[in-house]
């Protein structure tokens, strides 16, 4: 339920920000802050809970990986290599390294 509270707080701030965007000279800075620091809405102890959950997931993944047969491990490596190729293709197409400031605004984009 903490993540729901966090999400609701972030969305509420986002709505307030969008509502006042035409009259707020700090709109761009506030939007950047909201997007770049979403953790500012974390309730006390939330970040520690997330880190503990990540450690549990990592432990589980390590346990599963150590239980794979050689054939299963090979199949997993093949699939991961396929994902890597997909991501590399997306990057080559401009998905990750494209400069958004050089693109024309999309129809209906916020101004």
N, C-alpha and C. Protein backbone atom coordinates (compact mmCIF):
# COMPACT_ATOMS: atom_id res chain seq x y z
N UNK A 1 0.82 -1.20 0.00
CA UNK A 1 0.00 0.00 0.00
C UNK A 1 0.86 1.26 0.00
N UNK A 2 2.09 1.17 0.47
CA UNK A 2 2.95 2.36 0.46
C UNK A 2 3.22 2.83 -0.96
N UNK A 3 3.38 1.89 -1.90
CA UNK A 3 3.64 2.30 -3.27
C UNK A 3 2.42 2.99 -3.87
N UNK A 4 1.22 2.62 -3.42
CA UNK A 4 0.02 3.30 -3.90
C UNK A 4 -0.02 4.75 -3.41
N UNK A 5 0.36 4.95 -2.16
CA UNK A 5 0.42 6.29 -1.59
C UNK A 5 1.45 7.13 -2.35
N UNK A 6 2.59 6.53 -2.60
CA UNK A 6 3.66 7.22 -3.33
C UNK A 6 3.19 7.60 -4.72
N UNK A 7 2.58 6.66 -5.40
CA UNK A 7 2.08 6.90 -6.76
C UNK A 7 1.02 7.99 -6.76
N UNK A 8 0.08 7.94 -5.82
CA UNK A 8 -0.98 8.94 -5.74
C UNK A 8 -0.40 10.33 -5.47
N UNK A 9 0.60 10.42 -4.61
CA UNK A 9 1.24 11.70 -4.31
C UNK A 9 1.93 12.26 -5.55
N UNK A 10 2.63 11.41 -6.28
CA UNK A 10 3.32 11.84 -7.49
C UNK A 10 2.31 12.31 -8.53
N UNK A 11 1.25 11.54 -8.71
CA UNK A 11 0.24 11.91 -9.71
C UNK A 11 -0.45 13.22 -9.34
N UNK A 12 -0.73 13.42 -8.06
CA UNK A 12 -1.36 14.66 -7.62
C UNK A 12 -0.46 15.85 -7.93
N UNK A 13 0.82 15.72 -7.64
CA UNK A 13 1.76 16.81 -7.94
C UNK A 13 1.85 17.04 -9.44
N UNK A 14 1.83 15.97 -10.23
CA UNK A 14 1.89 16.09 -11.68
C UNK A 14 0.67 16.84 -12.21
N UNK A 15 -0.52 16.50 -11.67
CA UNK A 15 -1.74 17.21 -12.09
C UNK A 15 -1.67 18.70 -11.76
N UNK A 16 -1.21 19.02 -10.55
CA UNK A 16 -1.08 20.42 -10.15
C UNK A 16 -0.11 21.13 -11.09
N UNK A 17 0.98 20.49 -11.39
CA UNK A 17 1.99 21.06 -12.28
C UNK A 17 1.41 21.32 -13.67
N UNK A 18 0.69 20.34 -14.21
CA UNK A 18 0.11 20.51 -15.55
C UNK A 18 -0.96 21.58 -15.58
N UNK A 19 -1.75 21.65 -14.54
CA UNK A 19 -2.83 22.64 -14.48
C UNK A 19 -2.27 24.06 -14.54
N UNK A 20 -1.14 24.30 -13.90
CA UNK A 20 -0.58 25.63 -13.87
C UNK A 20 0.53 25.88 -14.87
N UNK A 21 0.71 25.01 -15.83
CA UNK A 21 1.88 25.10 -16.71
C UNK A 21 1.94 26.39 -17.53
N UNK A 22 0.80 26.93 -17.92
CA UNK A 22 0.81 28.14 -18.76
C UNK A 22 1.23 29.37 -17.96
N UNK A 23 0.92 29.39 -16.67
CA UNK A 23 1.21 30.58 -15.87
C UNK A 23 2.43 30.41 -14.96
N UNK A 24 3.05 29.25 -14.96
CA UNK A 24 4.18 29.00 -14.07
C UNK A 24 5.49 29.16 -14.83
N UNK A 25 6.25 30.24 -14.54
CA UNK A 25 7.52 30.42 -15.24
C UNK A 25 8.55 29.34 -14.88
N UNK A 26 8.33 28.63 -13.78
CA UNK A 26 9.23 27.56 -13.37
C UNK A 26 8.75 26.19 -13.82
N UNK A 27 7.78 26.15 -14.73
CA UNK A 27 7.19 24.89 -15.15
C UNK A 27 8.23 23.86 -15.59
N UNK A 28 9.13 24.25 -16.46
CA UNK A 28 10.12 23.32 -16.99
C UNK A 28 11.01 22.78 -15.87
N UNK A 29 11.46 23.67 -14.99
CA UNK A 29 12.31 23.23 -13.87
C UNK A 29 11.55 22.31 -12.93
N UNK A 30 10.29 22.65 -12.63
CA UNK A 30 9.50 21.81 -11.73
C UNK A 30 9.21 20.46 -12.36
N UNK A 31 8.93 20.46 -13.67
CA UNK A 31 8.67 19.20 -14.37
C UNK A 31 9.94 18.33 -14.36
N UNK A 32 11.08 18.94 -14.63
CA UNK A 32 12.34 18.19 -14.62
C UNK A 32 12.59 17.60 -13.23
N UNK A 33 12.35 18.38 -12.19
CA UNK A 33 12.54 17.90 -10.82
C UNK A 33 11.61 16.73 -10.53
N UNK A 34 10.37 16.84 -10.96
CA UNK A 34 9.40 15.77 -10.72
C UNK A 34 9.81 14.49 -11.43
N UNK A 35 10.28 14.62 -12.66
CA UNK A 35 10.66 13.44 -13.45
C UNK A 35 11.99 12.85 -12.98
N UNK A 36 12.93 13.71 -12.60
CA UNK A 36 14.26 13.23 -12.26
C UNK A 36 14.39 12.79 -10.80
N UNK A 37 13.45 13.21 -9.95
CA UNK A 37 13.52 12.84 -8.54
C UNK A 37 12.15 12.33 -8.04
N UNK A 38 11.67 11.23 -8.61
CA UNK A 38 10.37 10.72 -8.17
C UNK A 38 10.41 10.20 -6.73
N UNK A 39 11.59 9.96 -6.20
CA UNK A 39 11.70 9.44 -4.83
C UNK A 39 11.37 10.49 -3.77
N UNK A 40 11.20 11.73 -4.17
CA UNK A 40 10.86 12.77 -3.21
C UNK A 40 9.51 12.51 -2.56
N UNK A 41 8.71 11.62 -3.13
CA UNK A 41 7.39 11.31 -2.58
C UNK A 41 7.38 10.02 -1.77
N UNK A 42 8.56 9.45 -1.55
CA UNK A 42 8.66 8.21 -0.78
C UNK A 42 8.26 8.45 0.67
N UNK A 43 7.37 7.62 1.20
CA UNK A 43 7.09 7.72 2.63
C UNK A 43 8.30 7.24 3.44
N UNK A 44 8.38 7.60 4.70
CA UNK A 44 9.52 7.15 5.53
C UNK A 44 9.67 5.62 5.48
N UNK A 45 10.90 5.18 5.29
CA UNK A 45 11.18 3.75 5.28
C UNK A 45 10.94 3.05 3.96
N UNK A 46 10.35 3.74 3.00
CA UNK A 46 10.00 3.11 1.73
C UNK A 46 11.26 2.66 0.97
N UNK A 47 12.25 3.52 0.89
CA UNK A 47 13.47 3.19 0.14
C UNK A 47 14.16 1.97 0.74
N UNK A 48 14.19 1.87 2.06
CA UNK A 48 14.80 0.70 2.71
C UNK A 48 14.02 -0.56 2.37
N UNK A 49 12.70 -0.48 2.35
CA UNK A 49 11.87 -1.62 1.99
C UNK A 49 12.15 -2.07 0.56
N UNK A 50 12.29 -1.10 -0.35
CA UNK A 50 12.60 -1.42 -1.74
C UNK A 50 13.94 -2.13 -1.84
N UNK A 51 14.94 -1.62 -1.12
CA UNK A 51 16.27 -2.24 -1.15
C UNK A 51 16.24 -3.66 -0.58
N UNK A 52 15.49 -3.87 0.49
CA UNK A 52 15.37 -5.21 1.06
C UNK A 52 14.69 -6.16 0.07
N UNK A 53 13.66 -5.67 -0.61
CA UNK A 53 12.98 -6.50 -1.61
C UNK A 53 13.91 -6.84 -2.76
N UNK A 54 14.73 -5.87 -3.18
CA UNK A 54 15.68 -6.13 -4.26
C UNK A 54 16.67 -7.21 -3.86
N UNK A 55 17.15 -7.15 -2.63
CA UNK A 55 18.09 -8.17 -2.15
C UNK A 55 17.44 -9.55 -2.16
N UNK A 56 16.17 -9.62 -1.77
CA UNK A 56 15.47 -10.90 -1.79
C UNK A 56 15.33 -11.42 -3.22
N UNK A 57 15.03 -10.53 -4.15
CA UNK A 57 14.90 -10.94 -5.55
C UNK A 57 16.25 -11.42 -6.07
N UNK A 58 17.33 -10.67 -5.78
CA UNK A 58 18.65 -11.08 -6.23
C UNK A 58 19.03 -12.45 -5.67
N UNK A 59 18.72 -12.68 -4.41
CA UNK A 59 19.02 -13.97 -3.79
C UNK A 59 18.25 -15.09 -4.47
N UNK A 60 16.99 -14.84 -4.77
CA UNK A 60 16.17 -15.85 -5.44
C UNK A 60 16.70 -16.14 -6.84
N UNK A 61 17.06 -15.09 -7.57
CA UNK A 61 17.60 -15.27 -8.92
C UNK A 61 18.91 -16.07 -8.85
N UNK A 62 19.78 -15.74 -7.91
CA UNK A 62 21.04 -16.48 -7.76
C UNK A 62 20.77 -17.95 -7.46
N UNK A 63 19.79 -18.22 -6.62
CA UNK A 63 19.45 -19.60 -6.28
C UNK A 63 18.93 -20.36 -7.50
N UNK A 64 18.07 -19.71 -8.27
CA UNK A 64 17.53 -20.35 -9.48
C UNK A 64 18.65 -20.59 -10.48
N UNK A 65 19.51 -19.59 -10.69
CA UNK A 65 20.59 -19.74 -11.65
C UNK A 65 21.54 -20.88 -11.27
N UNK A 66 21.79 -21.03 -9.99
CA UNK A 66 22.70 -22.10 -9.58
C UNK A 66 22.06 -23.48 -9.73
N UNK A 67 20.76 -23.53 -9.87
CA UNK A 67 20.07 -24.81 -10.02
C UNK A 67 19.86 -25.21 -11.48
N UNK A 68 20.24 -24.34 -12.42
CA UNK A 68 20.04 -24.66 -13.84
C UNK A 68 20.97 -25.77 -14.29
N UNK A 69 20.43 -26.61 -15.15
CA UNK A 69 21.28 -27.62 -15.79
C UNK A 69 22.12 -26.89 -16.85
N UNK A 70 23.19 -27.54 -17.34
CA UNK A 70 23.98 -26.90 -18.39
C UNK A 70 23.14 -26.54 -19.62
N UNK A 71 22.21 -27.39 -20.00
CA UNK A 71 21.36 -27.11 -21.16
C UNK A 71 20.45 -25.90 -20.89
N UNK A 72 19.90 -25.83 -19.69
CA UNK A 72 19.06 -24.69 -19.34
C UNK A 72 19.86 -23.40 -19.30
N UNK A 73 21.08 -23.47 -18.78
CA UNK A 73 21.93 -22.28 -18.72
C UNK A 73 22.27 -21.80 -20.12
N UNK A 74 22.54 -22.73 -21.03
CA UNK A 74 22.83 -22.37 -22.42
C UNK A 74 21.63 -21.69 -23.06
N UNK A 75 20.45 -22.26 -22.85
CA UNK A 75 19.23 -21.67 -23.41
C UNK A 75 19.01 -20.26 -22.85
N UNK A 76 19.25 -20.08 -21.56
CA UNK A 76 19.09 -18.77 -20.95
C UNK A 76 20.06 -17.76 -21.57
N UNK A 77 21.32 -18.17 -21.76
CA UNK A 77 22.30 -17.27 -22.38
C UNK A 77 21.89 -16.89 -23.80
N UNK A 78 21.32 -17.84 -24.55
CA UNK A 78 20.85 -17.54 -25.91
C UNK A 78 19.74 -16.51 -25.88
N UNK A 79 18.80 -16.70 -24.96
CA UNK A 79 17.68 -15.75 -24.87
C UNK A 79 18.17 -14.36 -24.45
N UNK A 80 19.08 -14.32 -23.49
CA UNK A 80 19.62 -13.03 -23.04
C UNK A 80 20.38 -12.34 -24.18
N UNK A 81 21.11 -13.12 -24.99
CA UNK A 81 21.82 -12.55 -26.14
C UNK A 81 20.82 -11.96 -27.13
N UNK A 82 19.68 -12.62 -27.30
CA UNK A 82 18.64 -12.09 -28.17
C UNK A 82 18.08 -10.77 -27.66
N UNK A 83 17.86 -10.70 -26.34
CA UNK A 83 17.39 -9.44 -25.75
C UNK A 83 18.42 -8.34 -25.95
N UNK A 84 19.70 -8.69 -25.77
CA UNK A 84 20.77 -7.71 -25.94
C UNK A 84 20.77 -7.17 -27.37
N UNK A 85 20.59 -8.05 -28.35
CA UNK A 85 20.54 -7.61 -29.74
C UNK A 85 19.34 -6.70 -29.99
N UNK A 86 18.21 -7.02 -29.38
CA UNK A 86 17.03 -6.17 -29.53
C UNK A 86 17.28 -4.77 -28.98
N UNK A 87 17.89 -4.69 -27.79
CA UNK A 87 18.19 -3.39 -27.19
C UNK A 87 19.21 -2.62 -28.03
N UNK A 88 20.21 -3.31 -28.53
CA UNK A 88 21.20 -2.64 -29.37
C UNK A 88 20.56 -2.10 -30.63
N UNK A 89 19.62 -2.84 -31.22
CA UNK A 89 18.92 -2.36 -32.42
C UNK A 89 18.09 -1.12 -32.09
N UNK A 90 17.44 -1.11 -30.95
CA UNK A 90 16.67 0.07 -30.54
C UNK A 90 17.58 1.28 -30.37
N UNK A 91 18.75 1.07 -29.79
CA UNK A 91 19.69 2.17 -29.60
C UNK A 91 20.15 2.70 -30.96
N UNK A 92 20.47 1.78 -31.89
CA UNK A 92 20.90 2.21 -33.23
C UNK A 92 19.81 3.00 -33.93
N UNK A 93 18.55 2.68 -33.66
CA UNK A 93 17.44 3.38 -34.29
C UNK A 93 17.19 4.74 -33.65
N UNK A 94 17.96 5.07 -32.62
CA UNK A 94 17.83 6.39 -32.01
C UNK A 94 17.02 6.42 -30.75
N UNK A 95 16.65 5.28 -30.22
CA UNK A 95 15.81 5.24 -29.03
C UNK A 95 16.48 5.77 -27.79
N UNK A 96 17.75 5.48 -27.57
CA UNK A 96 18.39 5.87 -26.32
C UNK A 96 19.31 7.07 -26.47
N UNK A 97 19.91 7.24 -27.65
CA UNK A 97 20.89 8.32 -27.76
C UNK A 97 20.36 9.52 -28.53
N UNK A 98 19.11 9.48 -28.90
CA UNK A 98 18.54 10.60 -29.63
C UNK A 98 18.38 11.80 -28.70
N UNK A 99 18.67 12.98 -29.22
CA UNK A 99 18.52 14.21 -28.44
C UNK A 99 17.10 14.72 -28.64
N UNK A 100 16.24 14.63 -27.62
CA UNK A 100 14.85 15.03 -27.78
C UNK A 100 14.69 16.51 -28.08
N UNK A 101 15.67 17.35 -27.76
CA UNK A 101 15.55 18.78 -28.02
C UNK A 101 15.68 19.08 -29.52
N UNK A 102 16.20 18.12 -30.28
CA UNK A 102 16.38 18.34 -31.71
C UNK A 102 15.21 17.80 -32.54
N UNK A 103 14.28 17.14 -31.88
CA UNK A 103 13.13 16.60 -32.59
C UNK A 103 12.00 17.62 -32.58
N UNK A 104 11.18 17.59 -33.61
CA UNK A 104 10.00 18.45 -33.65
C UNK A 104 9.01 17.96 -32.61
N UNK A 105 8.30 18.89 -31.95
CA UNK A 105 7.31 18.45 -30.94
C UNK A 105 6.24 17.60 -31.60
N UNK A 106 5.79 16.60 -30.89
CA UNK A 106 4.72 15.75 -31.39
C UNK A 106 3.40 16.51 -31.35
N UNK A 107 2.49 16.12 -32.20
CA UNK A 107 1.17 16.72 -32.21
C UNK A 107 0.52 16.54 -30.84
N UNK A 108 0.03 17.60 -30.26
CA UNK A 108 -0.62 17.54 -28.97
C UNK A 108 0.36 17.60 -27.82
N UNK A 109 1.63 17.85 -28.10
CA UNK A 109 2.62 17.91 -27.03
C UNK A 109 2.40 19.13 -26.16
N UNK A 110 2.78 19.02 -24.89
CA UNK A 110 2.64 20.12 -23.94
C UNK A 110 3.58 21.26 -24.33
N UNK A 111 3.07 22.45 -24.26
CA UNK A 111 3.93 23.62 -24.51
C UNK A 111 3.78 24.62 -23.41
